[in-house]
Amino acid sequence: MNIIWGVIIFIISGIAYFGQLISAFWPDTAVKLGLTESEAAVDPAFYADMRGEAIWDTAVLWTLPLAGLLLAFNN
């Protein structure tokens, strides 16, 4: 059962992590993929907050896919 939950956690958190990674480092690509709104479409303070959250999530969320892998490998 741990293998199934580990794979599920890895897939879901991996999607979230890579979405934030794209939003943090390639904002134009994130707009094209529909992950974020363009800078011209929102208030500048909201855009800066959105970029800051993406950078923070990129720094922190790597633990979730790792936890899924470790759960799948039963560590």
C-alpha atoms as a PDB file:
ATOM      1  CA  MET A   1       0.000   0.000   0.000  1.00  0.00           C
ATOM      2  CA  ASN A   2       2.921   2.333   0.716  1.00  0.00           C
ATOM      3  CA  ILE A   3       4.116   1.943  -2.863  1.00  0.00           C
ATOM      4  CA  ILE A   4       0.735   3.044  -4.259  1.00  0.00           C
ATOM      5  CA  TRP A   5       0.525   6.069  -1.934  1.00  0.00           C
ATOM      6  CA  GLY A   6       4.143   6.952  -2.627  1.00  0.00           C
ATOM      7  CA  VAL A   7       3.535   6.979  -6.378  1.00  0.00           C
ATOM      8  CA  ILE A   8       0.344   9.029  -5.972  1.00  0.00           C
ATOM      9  CA  ILE A   9       2.084  11.561  -3.730  1.00  0.00           C
ATOM     10  CA  PHE A  10       5.060  11.736  -6.092  1.00  0.00           C
ATOM     11  CA  ILE A  11       2.890  12.382  -9.163  1.00  0.00           C
ATOM     12  CA  ILE A  12       0.629  15.001  -7.580  1.00  0.00           C
ATOM     13  CA  SER A  13       3.406  16.863  -5.770  1.00  0.00           C
ATOM     14  CA  GLY A  14       5.680  16.612  -8.821  1.00  0.00           C
ATOM     15  CA  ILE A  15       3.067  18.371 -10.936  1.00  0.00           C
ATOM     16  CA  ALA A  16       2.758  21.111  -8.311  1.00  0.00           C
ATOM     17  CA  TYR A  17       6.519  21.466  -7.915  1.00  0.00           C
ATOM     18  CA  PHE A  18       7.282  21.693 -11.614  1.00  0.00           C
ATOM     19  CA  GLY A  19       4.421  24.142 -12.106  1.00  0.00           C
ATOM     20  CA  GLN A  20       5.931  26.416  -9.485  1.00  0.00           C
ATOM     21  CA  LEU A  21       9.394  25.894 -10.957  1.00  0.00           C
ATOM     22  CA  ILE A  22       8.158  27.071 -14.349  1.00  0.00           C
ATOM     23  CA  SER A  23       6.350  30.023 -12.734  1.00  0.00           C
ATOM     24  CA  ALA A  24       9.457  31.051 -10.812  1.00  0.00           C
ATOM     25  CA  PHE A  25      12.105  30.837 -13.521  1.00  0.00           C
ATOM     26  CA  TRP A  26      10.214  31.051 -16.819  1.00  0.00           C
ATOM     27  CA  PRO A  27       7.215  33.367 -16.248  1.00  0.00           C
ATOM     28  CA  ASP A  28       6.554  33.835 -19.984  1.00  0.00           C
ATOM     29  CA  THR A  29       6.244  30.085 -20.442  1.00  0.00           C
ATOM     30  CA  ALA A  30       3.981  29.903 -17.374  1.00  0.00           C
ATOM     31  CA  VAL A  31       1.657  32.476 -18.935  1.00  0.00           C
ATOM     32  CA  LYS A  32       1.552  30.517 -22.203  1.00  0.00           C
ATOM     33  CA  LEU A  33       0.739  27.303 -20.300  1.00  0.00           C
ATOM     34  CA  GLY A  34      -1.968  29.081 -18.299  1.00  0.00           C
ATOM     35  CA  LEU A  35      -0.243  28.633 -14.947  1.00  0.00           C
ATOM     36  CA  THR A  36      -0.158  32.351 -14.141  1.00  0.00           C
ATOM     37  CA  GLU A  37      -1.506  35.623 -15.436  1.00  0.00           C
ATOM     38  CA  SER A  38       0.577  38.055 -17.438  1.00  0.00           C
ATOM     39  CA  GLU A  39       2.210  41.004 -15.733  1.00  0.00           C
ATOM     40  CA  ALA A  40       0.081  43.440 -17.735  1.00  0.00           C
ATOM     41  CA  ALA A  41      -3.179  41.781 -16.638  1.00  0.00           C
ATOM     42  CA  VAL A  42      -2.737  42.181 -12.871  1.00  0.00           C
ATOM     43  CA  ASP A  43      -1.726  44.772 -10.292  1.00  0.00           C
ATOM     44  CA  PRO A  44       2.086  45.122  -9.982  1.00  0.00           C
ATOM     45  CA  ALA A  45       2.008  44.319  -6.253  1.00  0.00           C
ATOM     46  CA  PHE A  46       0.001  41.148  -6.900  1.00  0.00           C
ATOM     47  CA  TYR A  47       2.399  40.118  -9.658  1.00  0.00           C
ATOM     48  CA  ALA A  48       5.420  40.617  -7.379  1.00  0.00           C
ATOM     49  CA  ASP A  49       3.686  38.594  -4.654  1.00  0.00           C
ATOM     50  CA  MET A  50       2.846  35.847  -7.140  1.00  0.00           C
ATOM     51  CA  ARG A  51       6.479  35.634  -8.300  1.00  0.00           C
ATOM     52  CA  GLY A  52       7.741  35.624  -4.710  1.00  0.00           C
ATOM     53  CA  GLU A  53       5.403  32.791  -3.798  1.00  0.00           C
ATOM     54  CA  ALA A  54       6.566  30.806  -6.820  1.00  0.00           C
ATOM     55  CA  ILE A  55      10.208  31.238  -5.806  1.00  0.00           C
ATOM     56  CA  TRP A  56       9.448  30.305  -2.191  1.00  0.00           C
ATOM     57  CA  ASP A  57       7.427  27.253  -3.237  1.00  0.00           C
ATOM     58  CA  THR A  58      10.259  26.143  -5.512  1.00  0.00           C
ATOM     59  CA  ALA A  59      12.646  26.320  -2.570  1.00  0.00           C
ATOM     60  CA  VAL A  60      10.332  24.430  -0.211  1.00  0.00           C
ATOM     61  CA  LEU A  61       8.160  22.010  -2.217  1.00  0.00           C
ATOM     62  CA  TRP A  62      11.003  19.725  -3.338  1.00  0.00           C
ATOM     63  CA  THR A  63      10.448  17.799  -0.123  1.00  0.00           C
ATOM     64  CA  LEU A  64       7.030  16.530  -1.215  1.00  0.00           C
ATOM     65  CA  PRO A  65       8.132  14.555  -4.311  1.00  0.00           C
ATOM     66  CA  LEU A  66      11.065  13.268  -2.258  1.00  0.00           C
ATOM     67  CA  ALA A  67       8.676  12.091   0.453  1.00  0.00           C
ATOM     68  CA  GLY A  68       6.651  10.257  -2.190  1.00  0.00           C
ATOM     69  CA  LEU A  69       9.756   8.530  -3.501  1.00  0.00           C
ATOM     70  CA  LEU A  70      10.911   7.548  -0.029  1.00  0.00           C
ATOM     71  CA  LEU A  71       7.463   6.218   0.798  1.00  0.00           C
ATOM     72  CA  ALA A  72       7.411   4.196  -2.403  1.00  0.00           C
ATOM     73  CA  PHE A  73      10.827   2.734  -1.608  1.00  0.00           C
ATOM     74  CA  ASN A  74       9.659   2.070   1.959  1.00  0.00           C
ATOM     75  CA  ASN A  75      12.279   4.157   3.750  1.00  0.00           C
END
